[in-house]
Amino acid sequence: MATINFLVKGKDNPATINLRFVHGRKFDFTKSTGFLINPKDWSPKKKMPNQRDEVLKKLTTDLQELSNDIIKSFNNTPLDEIGPDWLQYQIDLSKGIVKPQQSRSDLLDDCIKHIIDTANIRENSKGGLGLSKSRVNSYKNLQKIFNKYQGSNKYRVRDVDIKFGREFLDWMLSKQNYSESYARKKIDDLKTVCRDAELDGIIVSAQLRKIKGGKPKKEYIVYLNPQELKKIEKANVHNNAYQNARKWLLLGCNIGQRGGDLLKLTKNNFFNRNGLEVIELKQQKTGKQVIIPLSEETKEIIKDGFPRPIAIQNFNEYIKDICRIAGIDEMTEGVKSVMVDSKGNEIIKDEKGKYVSKGVKRNIKGIFPKYELVASHVCRRSFATNLYGDLPTPLIMQITAHSTEKMFLNYIGKDSLDYAQQIADMFALLTQKKKKESTLEIVQKRVNE
């Protein structure tokens, strides 16, 4: 328990009244209070002024109020912030020498809103200022989800502990039918909000860093293999909108970019660099500049014209139908987005393709015909998976813009054993090459003889 004592040193008049703050063995600081007294009016036994007159009584009251203010502040301050400077600030604050630092609200809802309101001046992952639109939307979605969860309760930053994290995660999974990956992402976003508040002096739970978020261990890998891409290419598609979407799909699977970057491409992204035909673009998510050489397959796809612009929502819807027409219907485990009612039941569409009632979109896990699982993400994943083992991994990563090989291997569903197999295959090729060279040397030697 923290204790405060006052003491006067020396016999000079006037003498300074000092304050000694003690808490355990770690904290023992002494600072001047700025109050002065004649040593003859000080009681070393009571450690307070003698009560001879009204002036000394007022001084006693001031010292008691100072002690109370410091103890109150100590009880609401993390131990790692306690020190000599903290003590001096509390003395000056109590005496009115300094004004209290303007503090933020520690309500979770206010702290989420603070990040949204200051998004334009926050440093982003690219080293510049301003969070991306998608990042801001992620926090806005967190705010909506969290406010629905808390209802009339008012949770504070310090309430976010392991128990809170588990209960919030369970509510998102079991009550709101969010996918595991999305629910975990919201937990990570909430932890980021708390850490941001901590930087401004708001108290956080000691368990904050132990709350589990992150990605689920099992991620469903859905891609189109070369045989399936051939089926799509030859599928009997007459609808002009579908033909245009198919061209985007085939192009995407050949250049390995995210849907947002893919569908923003125009003829202005095509260049000839020293006789090499390339596509150049800046990835929206990473800010990385990517240069993609045009393969013969890519040239064949766009030989009769570049695809027309299309909204990503329409693209995601059309390519499901295109894959269905092409017979990409193998039953596959994965996650698909559906519209559900308040009870979590899927809402069907009418003959015109409109939902029969209102609801919200949710991702559900299960085993579905593969075409139901296809969306814009399939382009980048198909490119990376189909080329893995045929091209050196670092070269594929130059196009997909994965930061590390571990991230890349996780993305295409490979593990250390797959990587070891690739190395073993390379060793086998090297062994064959050496045997061939050895045989040629023997033949050449006999010819010379």
Foldseek 3Di string as FASTA:
>chain_A
DKDKAWDWDDQDPWTFIKIWIDDPPPDTDIDTLPDTDHPVQADPVVRAGHPPDPVRVVVRVLVVQLRVQVVVVVVQADPVVDDHVVNVVSSCPSVVVDDDDDAFFQFLLRLLVVCLVLQQQDQELQRHGHYDPVVSVLSVVLSVLVCVVQPPHTDGQQVPAQVNLVVSLCCCCPQVVADLLSSLVSLVVSLVSSVVSVVRRHDYHPRSVVHGGDGDPDAFAAAAAPVLLVLLVPFDDDDPVLLLLNLLLQLLLAQQEFPVFSLVDDPVQWDQDPNFIWGWDQHPPNRDIAIGTQDPSNCVSAVVHHRDHDDQVVSFVSQLVSSVSSVQFPWGWHKAKFFAASRRHGFDADPVRHTPDHGDIHIHTDIGGSSRVDGRNNSNLSNLQNCVLVDPNVVNCSRNVDPDPVVSCVNNVHDPVVVVVSVVVVVVVVVVVVVVVVVVVVVVVVVVD
